[in-house]
């Protein structure tokens, strides 16, 4: 299936389909390894090395995760992941997204999000959980577009999407409120990080 999003400066012209988990594992793995450092940090909420990503991709192939991929010339350039509810502490299926820099601003994220929601509904899921970095503005904007209600804590944005309400008009939160919450989350995260570093270096110890 080919997609063209004329609302973007450059339309997406690749195809979107679900990966066959075992035999197409290298396609997901290679996509995640190609992410630039900032994108890798946003996707995994931290700086993960190549060995972690290889183990992560292998796990996705074995635990029932559904991978919907955006493919150009046989190469995965974007992926939407639907993780089964038994992998989540709150028994909600969790979703995650990654898009390589070369295909951004082409509507790829929206295409993947719509396909993933359709897949979740087909499985009978009623709601989804999404977690992203508080600094990942593109992902937060995409989640809000599809009705996610995000909260901010310790450098992360966590929210849920009620699939029963997807066809109802969306009420976007105040941009000012969202910006202030994100700034507060980043400040708290930085404070906690430096406090930890000082303790590790010995500066935070009492005499």
Protein backbone atom coordinates (compact mmCIF):
# COMPACT_ATOMS: atom_id res chain seq x y z
CA UNK A 1 0.00 0.00 0.00
CA UNK A 2 1.45 3.32 -1.06
CA UNK A 3 0.83 6.52 0.87
CA UNK A 4 0.95 10.16 -0.14
CA UNK A 5 0.37 12.93 2.39
CA UNK A 6 0.03 16.20 0.48
CA UNK A 7 -0.17 18.25 3.68
CA UNK A 8 3.59 17.86 4.13
CA UNK A 9 6.40 19.54 2.24
CA UNK A 10 7.52 16.14 0.90
CA UNK A 11 4.94 13.33 0.54
CA UNK A 12 5.60 9.85 1.90
CA UNK A 13 5.83 7.41 -1.00
CA UNK A 14 6.87 4.19 0.71
CA UNK A 15 4.72 1.22 1.71
CA UNK A 16 3.39 0.19 5.11
CA UNK A 17 2.94 -3.39 6.28
CA UNK A 18 3.33 -5.67 9.28
CA UNK A 19 6.70 -7.37 9.55
CA UNK A 20 6.94 -11.14 9.77
CA UNK A 21 8.59 -11.34 13.16
CA UNK A 22 11.27 -14.01 12.94
CA UNK A 23 12.51 -13.80 9.36
CA UNK A 24 12.27 -10.00 9.16
CA UNK A 25 13.85 -9.27 12.53
CA UNK A 26 16.97 -7.80 10.87
CA UNK A 27 14.85 -5.08 9.21
CA UNK A 28 13.65 -3.74 12.56
CA UNK A 29 17.05 -4.15 14.19
CA UNK A 30 18.85 -2.30 11.40
CA UNK A 31 16.28 0.51 11.47
CA UNK A 32 16.74 1.05 15.20
CA UNK A 33 20.52 0.94 14.85
CA UNK A 34 20.36 3.65 12.15
CA UNK A 35 18.59 6.13 14.42
CA UNK A 36 20.73 9.19 15.11
CA UNK A 37 21.79 9.71 18.78
CA UNK A 38 18.98 12.15 19.58
CA UNK A 39 16.34 9.89 17.99
CA UNK A 40 17.73 6.85 19.78
CA UNK A 41 17.57 8.73 23.09
CA UNK A 42 13.97 9.79 22.41
CA UNK A 43 12.91 6.27 21.43
CA UNK A 44 14.44 4.48 24.42
CA UNK A 45 14.38 7.34 26.97
CA UNK A 46 18.13 7.17 27.37
CA UNK A 47 21.42 6.45 25.63
CA UNK A 48 21.39 2.75 24.71
CA UNK A 49 24.29 1.01 22.98
CA UNK A 50 24.07 -1.25 19.92
CA UNK A 51 24.07 -4.45 21.95
CA UNK A 52 20.99 -3.31 23.88
CA UNK A 53 19.14 -2.58 20.63
CA UNK A 54 20.06 -5.98 19.21
CA UNK A 55 18.70 -7.70 22.34
CA UNK A 56 15.59 -5.50 22.24
CA UNK A 57 14.82 -6.37 18.61
CA UNK A 58 15.31 -10.07 19.34
CA UNK A 59 12.89 -9.82 22.26
CA UNK A 60 10.26 -8.17 20.06
CA UNK A 61 10.48 -11.11 17.68
CA UNK A 62 9.74 -13.58 20.48
CA UNK A 63 7.19 -11.90 22.76
CA UNK A 64 4.31 -11.27 20.37
CA UNK A 65 5.05 -7.61 19.62
CA UNK A 66 3.42 -6.44 16.38
CA UNK A 67 5.73 -4.32 14.21
CA UNK A 68 4.13 -2.11 11.55
CA UNK A 69 6.86 -0.77 9.29
CA UNK A 70 7.19 2.06 6.82
CA UNK A 71 9.41 0.72 4.03
CA UNK A 72 11.25 2.44 1.19
CA UNK A 73 13.22 0.40 -1.33
CA UNK A 74 13.11 -2.65 0.92
CA UNK A 75 14.49 -0.77 3.94
CA UNK A 76 12.51 -0.02 7.11
CA UNK A 77 12.64 3.74 7.75
CA UNK A 78 9.93 3.94 10.40
CA UNK A 79 8.30 1.51 12.81
CA UNK A 80 5.28 1.39 15.11
CA UNK A 81 5.38 -1.23 17.86
CA UNK A 82 2.36 -2.73 19.61
CA UNK A 83 3.52 -4.61 22.69
CA UNK A 84 1.15 -7.17 24.25
CA UNK A 85 -0.51 -6.30 27.56
CA UNK A 86 1.26 -9.06 29.49
CA UNK A 87 4.53 -7.14 28.97
CA UNK A 88 3.17 -4.10 30.84
CA UNK A 89 2.92 -3.66 34.63
CA UNK A 90 -0.57 -2.16 34.31
CA UNK A 91 -1.80 -4.80 31.82
CA UNK A 92 -2.24 -2.22 29.05
CA UNK A 93 -0.78 -2.84 25.60
CA UNK A 94 2.01 -0.32 25.05
CA UNK A 95 2.90 1.44 21.82
CA UNK A 96 6.16 2.98 20.60
CA UNK A 97 7.30 4.75 17.43
CA UNK A 98 10.55 5.53 15.65
CA UNK A 99 11.12 7.40 12.38
CA UNK A 100 14.49 7.99 10.75
CA UNK A 101 15.47 11.61 10.13
CA UNK A 102 15.54 11.23 6.34
CA UNK A 103 11.78 10.53 6.12
CA UNK A 104 10.48 12.98 8.69
CA UNK A 105 7.99 15.74 7.84
CA UNK A 106 6.35 13.40 5.33
CA UNK A 107 3.42 12.24 7.44
CA UNK A 108 5.07 8.89 8.23
CA UNK A 109 4.31 9.11 11.94
CA UNK A 110 0.61 9.75 11.32
CA UNK A 111 0.40 6.89 8.82
CA UNK A 112 1.98 4.47 11.29
CA UNK A 113 -0.20 5.73 14.15
CA UNK A 114 -3.42 5.14 12.17
CA UNK A 115 -2.35 1.65 11.11
CA UNK A 116 -1.34 0.74 14.64
CA UNK A 117 -4.67 1.89 16.10
CA UNK A 118 -6.50 -0.20 13.50
CA UNK A 119 -4.38 -3.22 14.49
CA UNK A 120 -5.07 -2.64 18.18
CA UNK A 121 -8.82 -2.46 17.54
CA UNK A 122 -8.68 -5.66 15.50
CA UNK A 123 -7.14 -7.36 18.53
CA UNK A 124 -9.97 -6.11 20.72
CA UNK A 125 -7.90 -3.70 22.80
CA UNK A 126 -9.87 -0.91 24.48
CA UNK A 127 -7.00 1.41 25.41
CA UNK A 128 -3.29 1.83 24.79
CA UNK A 129 -0.42 3.17 26.86
CA UNK A 130 2.29 5.41 25.41
CA UNK A 131 5.48 6.66 27.04
CA UNK A 132 7.91 9.14 25.50
CA UNK A 133 10.59 11.59 26.60
CA UNK A 134 9.35 14.95 27.85
CA UNK A 135 11.68 16.61 25.32
CA UNK A 136 10.33 14.60 22.38
CA UNK A 137 7.98 17.30 21.10
CA UNK A 138 7.20 15.57 17.80
CA UNK A 139 6.04 12.39 19.52
CA UNK A 140 4.01 14.31 22.10
CA UNK A 141 2.30 16.32 19.36
CA UNK A 142 1.50 13.13 17.43
CA UNK A 143 0.11 11.43 20.53
CA UNK A 144 -2.07 14.46 21.32
CA UNK A 145 -3.35 14.46 17.75
CA UNK A 146 -4.68 10.94 18.27
CA UNK A 147 -6.30 11.67 21.61
CA UNK A 148 -3.62 10.72 24.12
CA UNK A 149 -3.82 12.50 27.47
CA UNK A 150 -0.23 12.85 28.65
CA UNK A 151 1.16 13.56 32.09
CA UNK A 152 4.76 14.54 32.82
CA UNK A 153 7.03 13.08 35.48
CA UNK A 154 10.79 12.73 35.85
CA UNK A 155 11.65 13.54 32.26
CA UNK A 156 8.97 11.33 30.71
CA UNK A 157 5.51 11.84 29.23
CA UNK A 158 3.12 8.98 29.93
CA UNK A 159 -0.45 8.71 28.77
CA UNK A 160 -3.22 6.50 27.45
CA UNK A 161 -5.37 6.45 24.34
CA UNK A 162 -9.02 5.44 24.71
CA UNK A 163 -9.81 3.61 21.47
CA UNK A 164 -13.55 3.95 22.09
CA UNK A 165 -13.22 7.74 21.77
CA UNK A 166 -11.11 7.84 18.63
CA UNK A 167 -14.02 8.89 16.40
CA UNK A 168 -15.08 11.71 18.70
CA UNK A 169 -13.81 15.31 18.25
CA UNK A 170 -10.51 15.79 20.00
CA UNK A 171 -10.07 18.56 22.53
CA UNK A 172 -6.43 19.58 22.55
CA UNK A 173 -4.93 20.76 25.85
CA UNK A 174 -3.77 24.34 26.20
CA UNK A 175 -0.45 24.80 24.46
CA UNK A 176 0.75 26.96 27.33
CA UNK A 177 -0.16 24.33 29.92
CA UNK A 178 1.56 21.61 27.90
CA UNK A 179 4.72 23.71 27.54
CA UNK A 180 4.83 24.53 31.26
CA UNK A 181 4.37 20.88 32.21
CA UNK A 182 7.14 19.81 29.86
CA UNK A 183 9.50 22.50 31.21
CA UNK A 184 8.74 21.45 34.78
CA UNK A 185 9.41 17.80 33.94
CA UNK A 186 12.75 18.65 32.31
CA UNK A 187 13.79 20.76 35.30
CA UNK A 188 12.93 17.97 37.74
CA UNK A 189 14.78 15.43 35.63
CA UNK A 190 17.91 17.60 35.42
CA UNK A 191 17.85 18.26 39.18
CA UNK A 192 17.57 14.54 39.95
CA UNK A 193 20.32 13.70 37.46
CA UNK A 194 22.85 16.14 38.88
CA UNK A 195 22.01 15.17 42.45
CA UNK A 196 22.77 11.57 41.54
CA UNK A 197 26.05 12.53 39.84
CA UNK A 198 27.16 14.55 42.88
CA UNK A 199 26.42 11.64 45.19
CA UNK A 200 28.38 9.27 42.96
CA UNK A 201 31.38 11.63 42.89
CA UNK A 202 31.35 12.08 46.66
CA UNK A 203 30.34 15.75 46.71
CA UNK A 204 26.96 14.93 48.14
CA UNK A 205 28.34 13.00 51.16
CA UNK A 206 28.30 14.54 54.58
CA UNK A 207 31.61 15.00 56.42
